[in-house]
Amino acid sequence: MLSFFIIVLIFLENSLVTTLPYNFVAIPFLTYLAYKKRKTGLFIGIIILVIISKNSNIFIELGVIFSLIFIISYVFTKILGYKNINLIYYSLVQFIVYGGYLYLKVSHFNIIQGIVMLFGYILVNYIFIKISREKK
C-alpha cells in the first residue's frame, strides 16, 4: 500500500509544472527500495522510471542515473544501515549523482536550486527512515 501511495505521489510530483525536475520523492524512494525490498525493488524502480520519463526521450539516461543511485544505496544500506545518522551520506550521494546529471543537462541549474534539492532529499530521506523504523 505504501508503494502505491508513493508512486501516486511521484506521478503528481512529475505532473507539476516546475523549472527543474527535482524528483524529491522518487530519488529517496529508490534508496528506501534498496534498503527494504533489495533486489525485488528493481521492479518498482522501473515503474518509477517509466512514470518520470513518460513525456520525454530520456528513458535510458534516467535509467542509468536511477540504477547508479539504486546500486550505491544498496551497497551503503548493506554496509552502513538505513539510520538517521547516515542521512547526510544518502542525501549527498543522491544530490551528487542526480544534481550532477541535471547540472550537465539543464543550462539554468544554479546554486539555490542545488541547495533546495539537497534539503528536499534530506527531508524526504528522513521521512522514509522513520517509515522504515515504524514497520519493524
N, C-alpha and C. Protein backbone atom coordinates (compact mmCIF):
# COMPACT_ATOMS: atom_id res chain seq x y z
N MET A 1 0.82 -1.19 0.00
CA MET A 1 0.00 0.00 0.00
C MET A 1 0.87 1.27 0.00
N LEU A 2 1.95 1.22 0.77
CA LEU A 2 2.86 2.37 0.81
C LEU A 2 3.46 2.62 -0.57
N SER A 3 3.87 1.56 -1.25
CA SER A 3 4.48 1.72 -2.58
C SER A 3 3.49 2.35 -3.55
N PHE A 4 2.24 1.95 -3.49
CA PHE A 4 1.22 2.53 -4.37
C PHE A 4 1.05 4.02 -4.08
N PHE A 5 0.98 4.38 -2.80
CA PHE A 5 0.84 5.77 -2.40
C PHE A 5 2.03 6.60 -2.87
N ILE A 6 3.23 6.06 -2.73
CA ILE A 6 4.43 6.78 -3.16
C ILE A 6 4.46 6.93 -4.67
N ILE A 7 4.04 5.91 -5.39
CA ILE A 7 4.01 6.00 -6.86
C ILE A 7 3.02 7.08 -7.29
N VAL A 8 1.88 7.19 -6.61
CA VAL A 8 0.93 8.26 -6.91
C VAL A 8 1.56 9.62 -6.62
N LEU A 9 2.28 9.74 -5.50
CA LEU A 9 2.97 11.00 -5.19
C LEU A 9 4.01 11.35 -6.25
N ILE A 10 4.73 10.34 -6.72
CA ILE A 10 5.74 10.58 -7.76
C ILE A 10 5.07 11.04 -9.05
N PHE A 11 3.94 10.42 -9.38
CA PHE A 11 3.19 10.84 -10.57
C PHE A 11 2.74 12.29 -10.43
N LEU A 12 2.21 12.64 -9.26
CA LEU A 12 1.78 14.02 -9.03
C LEU A 12 2.95 14.99 -9.07
N GLU A 13 4.07 14.59 -8.48
CA GLU A 13 5.25 15.45 -8.48
C GLU A 13 5.74 15.73 -9.89
N ASN A 14 5.68 14.75 -10.74
CA ASN A 14 6.15 14.93 -12.12
C ASN A 14 5.11 15.55 -13.03
N SER A 15 3.88 15.64 -12.55
CA SER A 15 2.83 16.31 -13.32
C SER A 15 2.84 17.81 -13.10
N LEU A 16 3.44 18.25 -11.99
CA LEU A 16 3.52 19.68 -11.71
C LEU A 16 4.46 20.36 -12.70
N VAL A 17 4.14 21.59 -13.02
CA VAL A 17 4.99 22.36 -13.92
C VAL A 17 6.03 23.08 -13.07
N THR A 18 7.27 22.63 -13.17
CA THR A 18 8.37 23.28 -12.45
C THR A 18 9.50 23.55 -13.43
N THR A 19 10.40 24.41 -13.02
CA THR A 19 11.52 24.74 -13.90
C THR A 19 12.59 23.66 -13.91
N LEU A 20 12.58 22.80 -12.90
CA LEU A 20 13.61 21.78 -12.77
C LEU A 20 12.98 20.49 -12.24
N PRO A 21 13.32 19.35 -12.79
CA PRO A 21 12.76 18.09 -12.27
C PRO A 21 13.49 17.65 -11.00
N TYR A 22 13.03 18.10 -9.85
CA TYR A 22 13.72 17.82 -8.60
C TYR A 22 13.63 16.35 -8.19
N ASN A 23 12.48 15.74 -8.40
CA ASN A 23 12.23 14.34 -8.01
C ASN A 23 12.52 14.12 -6.53
N PHE A 24 11.93 14.99 -5.70
CA PHE A 24 12.13 14.90 -4.25
C PHE A 24 11.68 13.57 -3.66
N VAL A 25 10.64 12.99 -4.21
CA VAL A 25 10.11 11.74 -3.67
C VAL A 25 10.76 10.55 -4.36
N ALA A 26 10.96 10.63 -5.65
CA ALA A 26 11.43 9.47 -6.43
C ALA A 26 12.86 9.05 -6.06
N ILE A 27 13.75 9.99 -5.96
CA ILE A 27 15.16 9.66 -5.71
C ILE A 27 15.34 9.04 -4.31
N PRO A 28 14.82 9.65 -3.23
CA PRO A 28 14.94 9.00 -1.92
C PRO A 28 14.19 7.67 -1.83
N PHE A 29 13.11 7.55 -2.60
CA PHE A 29 12.37 6.29 -2.58
C PHE A 29 13.21 5.15 -3.15
N LEU A 30 14.09 5.45 -4.08
CA LEU A 30 15.00 4.42 -4.60
C LEU A 30 15.90 3.89 -3.50
N THR A 31 16.37 4.77 -2.64
CA THR A 31 17.19 4.32 -1.51
C THR A 31 16.37 3.47 -0.55
N TYR A 32 15.14 3.90 -0.30
CA TYR A 32 14.24 3.12 0.56
C TYR A 32 14.00 1.74 -0.04
N LEU A 33 13.79 1.68 -1.35
CA LEU A 33 13.60 0.39 -2.03
C LEU A 33 14.84 -0.48 -1.93
N ALA A 34 16.00 0.14 -2.07
CA ALA A 34 17.25 -0.61 -1.96
C ALA A 34 17.40 -1.21 -0.58
N TYR A 35 16.93 -0.50 0.44
CA TYR A 35 17.03 -1.00 1.81
C TYR A 35 15.95 -2.03 2.11
N LYS A 36 14.70 -1.70 1.82
CA LYS A 36 13.59 -2.56 2.22
C LYS A 36 13.38 -3.75 1.30
N LYS A 37 13.35 -3.50 0.03
CA LYS A 37 12.97 -4.54 -0.92
C LYS A 37 14.17 -5.23 -1.57
N ARG A 38 15.32 -4.63 -1.42
CA ARG A 38 16.56 -5.14 -2.02
C ARG A 38 16.39 -5.34 -3.52
N LYS A 39 16.62 -6.55 -4.00
CA LYS A 39 16.60 -6.79 -5.45
C LYS A 39 15.20 -6.76 -6.03
N THR A 40 14.18 -7.08 -5.25
CA THR A 40 12.81 -7.04 -5.77
C THR A 40 12.32 -5.61 -5.94
N GLY A 41 13.02 -4.65 -5.37
CA GLY A 41 12.66 -3.24 -5.53
C GLY A 41 12.96 -2.71 -6.92
N LEU A 42 13.70 -3.46 -7.70
CA LEU A 42 14.02 -3.02 -9.06
C LEU A 42 12.76 -2.88 -9.91
N PHE A 43 11.79 -3.77 -9.71
CA PHE A 43 10.55 -3.70 -10.49
C PHE A 43 9.83 -2.38 -10.22
N ILE A 44 9.71 -2.01 -8.95
CA ILE A 44 9.07 -0.74 -8.61
C ILE A 44 9.92 0.43 -9.13
N GLY A 45 11.23 0.29 -9.08
CA GLY A 45 12.12 1.32 -9.62
C GLY A 45 11.90 1.52 -11.11
N ILE A 46 11.65 0.45 -11.84
CA ILE A 46 11.38 0.55 -13.28
C ILE A 46 10.05 1.26 -13.52
N ILE A 47 9.05 0.97 -12.69
CA ILE A 47 7.76 1.66 -12.80
C ILE A 47 7.95 3.17 -12.58
N ILE A 48 8.74 3.52 -11.58
CA ILE A 48 9.03 4.93 -11.31
C ILE A 48 9.74 5.56 -12.49
N LEU A 49 10.68 4.86 -13.07
CA LEU A 49 11.42 5.36 -14.23
C LEU A 49 10.48 5.63 -15.40
N VAL A 50 9.55 4.73 -15.64
CA VAL A 50 8.58 4.92 -16.73
C VAL A 50 7.70 6.13 -16.45
N ILE A 51 7.27 6.29 -15.20
CA ILE A 51 6.42 7.44 -14.85
C ILE A 51 7.17 8.75 -15.07
N ILE A 52 8.42 8.81 -14.66
CA ILE A 52 9.18 10.05 -14.76
C ILE A 52 9.53 10.38 -16.21
N SER A 53 9.84 9.39 -17.00
CA SER A 53 10.26 9.66 -18.38
C SER A 53 9.13 9.47 -19.38
N LYS A 54 7.89 9.58 -18.95
CA LYS A 54 6.75 9.33 -19.82
C LYS A 54 6.62 10.30 -20.98
N ASN A 55 7.01 11.54 -20.77
CA ASN A 55 6.83 12.55 -21.81
C ASN A 55 8.13 12.93 -22.50
N SER A 56 9.15 12.15 -22.33
CA SER A 56 10.42 12.55 -22.92
C SER A 56 11.17 11.32 -23.43
N ASN A 57 12.27 11.59 -24.05
CA ASN A 57 13.08 10.52 -24.61
C ASN A 57 14.35 10.29 -23.79
N ILE A 58 14.27 10.48 -22.50
CA ILE A 58 15.44 10.34 -21.63
C ILE A 58 15.37 9.06 -20.79
N PHE A 59 14.64 8.07 -21.27
CA PHE A 59 14.46 6.83 -20.52
C PHE A 59 15.79 6.17 -20.20
N ILE A 60 16.67 6.07 -21.17
CA ILE A 60 17.96 5.41 -20.97
C ILE A 60 18.85 6.23 -20.02
N GLU A 61 18.89 7.55 -20.22
CA GLU A 61 19.71 8.40 -19.35
C GLU A 61 19.25 8.29 -17.90
N LEU A 62 17.95 8.44 -17.68
CA LEU A 62 17.44 8.32 -16.32
C LEU A 62 17.59 6.91 -15.78
N GLY A 63 17.50 5.93 -16.65
CA GLY A 63 17.71 4.55 -16.23
C GLY A 63 19.11 4.34 -15.68
N VAL A 64 20.09 4.92 -16.33
CA VAL A 64 21.47 4.82 -15.85
C VAL A 64 21.62 5.56 -14.51
N ILE A 65 21.07 6.76 -14.42
CA ILE A 65 21.16 7.55 -13.19
C ILE A 65 20.46 6.83 -12.04
N PHE A 66 19.24 6.35 -12.28
CA PHE A 66 18.50 5.65 -11.23
C PHE A 66 19.18 4.35 -10.84
N SER A 67 19.72 3.64 -11.80
CA SER A 67 20.45 2.40 -11.48
C SER A 67 21.67 2.69 -10.63
N LEU A 68 22.37 3.74 -10.96
CA LEU A 68 23.55 4.13 -10.19
C LEU A 68 23.15 4.49 -8.75
N ILE A 69 22.10 5.26 -8.59
CA ILE A 69 21.63 5.61 -7.25
C ILE A 69 21.19 4.37 -6.50
N PHE A 70 20.46 3.47 -7.17
CA PHE A 70 19.98 2.25 -6.53
C PHE A 70 21.14 1.37 -6.08
N ILE A 71 22.13 1.20 -6.93
CA ILE A 71 23.27 0.33 -6.60
C ILE A 71 24.09 0.92 -5.45
N ILE A 72 24.38 2.22 -5.52
CA ILE A 72 25.13 2.86 -4.43
C ILE A 72 24.35 2.78 -3.13
N SER A 73 23.05 3.02 -3.20
CA SER A 73 22.21 2.93 -2.00
C SER A 73 22.17 1.52 -1.46
N TYR A 74 22.11 0.55 -2.34
CA TYR A 74 22.10 -0.85 -1.92
C TYR A 74 23.38 -1.19 -1.15
N VAL A 75 24.51 -0.77 -1.69
CA VAL A 75 25.79 -1.03 -1.03
C VAL A 75 25.87 -0.28 0.31
N PHE A 76 25.48 0.99 0.30
CA PHE A 76 25.52 1.77 1.55
C PHE A 76 24.61 1.18 2.62
N THR A 77 23.40 0.75 2.24
CA THR A 77 22.50 0.20 3.26
C THR A 77 22.99 -1.13 3.78
N LYS A 78 23.72 -1.87 2.97
CA LYS A 78 24.31 -3.12 3.44
C LYS A 78 25.44 -2.85 4.43
N ILE A 79 26.25 -1.84 4.15
CA ILE A 79 27.41 -1.54 4.99
C ILE A 79 27.02 -0.67 6.19
N LEU A 80 26.34 0.44 5.94
CA LEU A 80 26.07 1.43 6.98
C LEU A 80 24.73 1.25 7.68
N GLY A 81 23.79 0.61 7.02
CA GLY A 81 22.44 0.53 7.57
C GLY A 81 21.64 1.74 7.12
N TYR A 82 20.37 1.70 7.41
CA TYR A 82 19.46 2.79 7.00
C TYR A 82 19.00 3.50 8.26
N LYS A 83 19.83 4.40 8.75
CA LYS A 83 19.61 5.06 10.03
C LYS A 83 19.72 6.57 9.86
N ASN A 84 19.21 7.28 10.87
CA ASN A 84 19.26 8.75 10.85
C ASN A 84 20.68 9.28 10.78
N ILE A 85 21.61 8.59 11.39
CA ILE A 85 23.00 9.06 11.43
C ILE A 85 23.62 9.07 10.02
N ASN A 86 23.13 8.23 9.14
CA ASN A 86 23.65 8.14 7.77
C ASN A 86 22.83 8.94 6.77
N LEU A 87 21.90 9.73 7.25
CA LEU A 87 21.00 10.50 6.41
C LEU A 87 21.76 11.42 5.45
N ILE A 88 22.78 12.08 5.94
CA ILE A 88 23.56 13.01 5.11
C ILE A 88 24.27 12.27 3.98
N TYR A 89 24.80 11.08 4.27
CA TYR A 89 25.50 10.33 3.23
C TYR A 89 24.57 9.99 2.07
N TYR A 90 23.39 9.48 2.40
CA TYR A 90 22.44 9.13 1.35
C TYR A 90 22.00 10.34 0.55
N SER A 91 21.73 11.43 1.26
CA SER A 91 21.28 12.65 0.58
C SER A 91 22.39 13.22 -0.31
N LEU A 92 23.62 13.19 0.16
CA LEU A 92 24.73 13.69 -0.66
C LEU A 92 24.95 12.84 -1.91
N VAL A 93 24.86 11.53 -1.78
CA VAL A 93 25.01 10.66 -2.95
C VAL A 93 23.91 10.96 -3.96
N GLN A 94 22.67 11.08 -3.48
CA GLN A 94 21.56 11.38 -4.38
C GLN A 94 21.75 12.73 -5.04
N PHE A 95 22.17 13.71 -4.25
CA PHE A 95 22.38 15.04 -4.81
C PHE A 95 23.53 15.07 -5.81
N ILE A 96 24.63 14.42 -5.49
CA ILE A 96 25.79 14.44 -6.38
C ILE A 96 25.46 13.75 -7.70
N VAL A 97 24.83 12.59 -7.63
CA VAL A 97 24.55 11.84 -8.87
C VAL A 97 23.46 12.54 -9.68
N TYR A 98 22.31 12.80 -9.08
CA TYR A 98 21.21 13.40 -9.84
C TYR A 98 21.45 14.89 -10.09
N GLY A 99 21.98 15.60 -9.10
CA GLY A 99 22.29 17.01 -9.30
C GLY A 99 23.37 17.21 -10.35
N GLY A 100 24.37 16.32 -10.36
CA GLY A 100 25.40 16.38 -11.40
C GLY A 100 24.82 16.15 -12.78
N TYR A 101 23.89 15.20 -12.86
CA TYR A 101 23.21 14.95 -14.14
C TYR A 101 22.44 16.19 -14.59
N LEU A 102 21.69 16.80 -13.66
CA LEU A 102 20.92 18.00 -14.02
C LEU A 102 21.84 19.16 -14.37
N TYR A 103 22.96 19.29 -13.67
CA TYR A 103 23.90 20.36 -13.96
C TYR A 103 24.43 20.24 -15.40
N LEU A 104 24.70 19.03 -15.82
CA LEU A 104 25.18 18.82 -17.19
C LEU A 104 24.07 18.96 -18.22
N LYS A 105 22.85 18.61 -17.85
CA LYS A 105 21.74 18.55 -18.79
C LYS A 105 20.98 19.87 -18.94
N VAL A 106 20.82 20.60 -17.82
CA VAL A 106 19.99 21.80 -17.81
C VAL A 106 20.89 23.03 -17.71
N SER A 107 20.68 23.98 -18.60
CA SER A 107 21.56 25.15 -18.65
C SER A 107 21.29 26.15 -17.53
N HIS A 108 20.11 26.14 -16.95
CA HIS A 108 19.78 27.14 -15.93
C HIS A 108 19.84 26.59 -14.50
N PHE A 109 20.59 25.55 -14.25
CA PHE A 109 20.76 24.99 -12.91
C PHE A 109 21.69 25.90 -12.11
N ASN A 110 21.23 26.36 -10.93
CA ASN A 110 22.06 27.26 -10.13
C ASN A 110 22.20 26.75 -8.71
N ILE A 111 22.95 27.48 -7.90
CA ILE A 111 23.29 27.04 -6.54
C ILE A 111 22.06 27.00 -5.63
N ILE A 112 21.13 27.92 -5.82
CA ILE A 112 19.91 27.93 -5.00
C ILE A 112 19.09 26.67 -5.26
N GLN A 113 18.96 26.28 -6.51
CA GLN A 113 18.25 25.06 -6.83
C GLN A 113 18.96 23.84 -6.26
N GLY A 114 20.28 23.87 -6.26
CA GLY A 114 21.04 22.78 -5.67
C GLY A 114 20.80 22.67 -4.17
N ILE A 115 20.75 23.80 -3.48
CA ILE A 115 20.50 23.79 -2.04
C ILE A 115 19.09 23.29 -1.75
N VAL A 116 18.13 23.73 -2.54
CA VAL A 116 16.74 23.26 -2.38
C VAL A 116 16.68 21.75 -2.60
N MET A 117 17.37 21.25 -3.62
CA MET A 117 17.40 19.81 -3.88
C MET A 117 17.98 19.05 -2.69
N LEU A 118 19.11 19.51 -2.19
CA LEU A 118 19.77 18.81 -1.10
C LEU A 118 18.89 18.77 0.15
N PHE A 119 18.30 19.89 0.53
CA PHE A 119 17.44 19.91 1.71
C PHE A 119 16.15 19.11 1.49
N GLY A 120 15.65 19.12 0.27
CA GLY A 120 14.49 18.29 -0.05
C GLY A 120 14.81 16.81 0.10
N TYR A 121 15.96 16.40 -0.39
CA TYR A 121 16.37 14.99 -0.25
C TYR A 121 16.58 14.62 1.21
N ILE A 122 17.17 15.53 1.98
CA ILE A 122 17.37 15.25 3.41
C ILE A 122 16.02 15.05 4.10
N LEU A 123 15.07 15.92 3.82
CA LEU A 123 13.75 15.83 4.45
C LEU A 123 13.03 14.54 4.07
N VAL A 124 12.99 14.22 2.79
CA VAL A 124 12.26 13.03 2.34
C VAL A 124 12.99 11.76 2.78
N ASN A 125 14.32 11.76 2.79
CA ASN A 125 15.05 10.61 3.32
C ASN A 125 14.74 10.41 4.80
N TYR A 126 14.64 11.50 5.54
CA TYR A 126 14.29 11.41 6.97
C TYR A 126 12.92 10.76 7.15
N ILE A 127 11.96 11.15 6.32
CA ILE A 127 10.62 10.57 6.39
C ILE A 127 10.67 9.08 6.08
N PHE A 128 11.41 8.69 5.05
CA PHE A 128 11.49 7.27 4.70
C PHE A 128 12.21 6.46 5.77
N ILE A 129 13.19 7.03 6.41
CA ILE A 129 13.88 6.32 7.51
C ILE A 129 12.91 6.12 8.67
N LYS A 130 12.12 7.14 8.97
CA LYS A 130 11.11 6.99 10.04
C LYS A 130 10.07 5.93 9.66
N ILE A 131 9.65 5.89 8.42
CA ILE A 131 8.68 4.88 7.97
C ILE A 131 9.29 3.49 8.08
N SER A 132 10.56 3.35 7.72
CA SER A 132 11.19 2.03 7.77
C SER A 132 11.35 1.56 9.22
N ARG A 133 11.53 2.47 10.16
CA ARG A 133 11.65 2.11 11.57
C ARG A 133 10.31 1.73 12.18
N GLU A 134 9.22 2.34 11.70
CA GLU A 134 7.89 2.03 12.22
C GLU A 134 7.42 0.65 11.81
N LYS A 135 7.85 0.19 10.67
CA LYS A 135 7.37 -1.09 10.14
C LYS A 135 8.04 -2.29 10.79
N LYS A 136 9.10 -2.08 11.54
CA LYS A 136 9.80 -3.22 12.14
C LYS A 136 9.11 -3.78 13.33
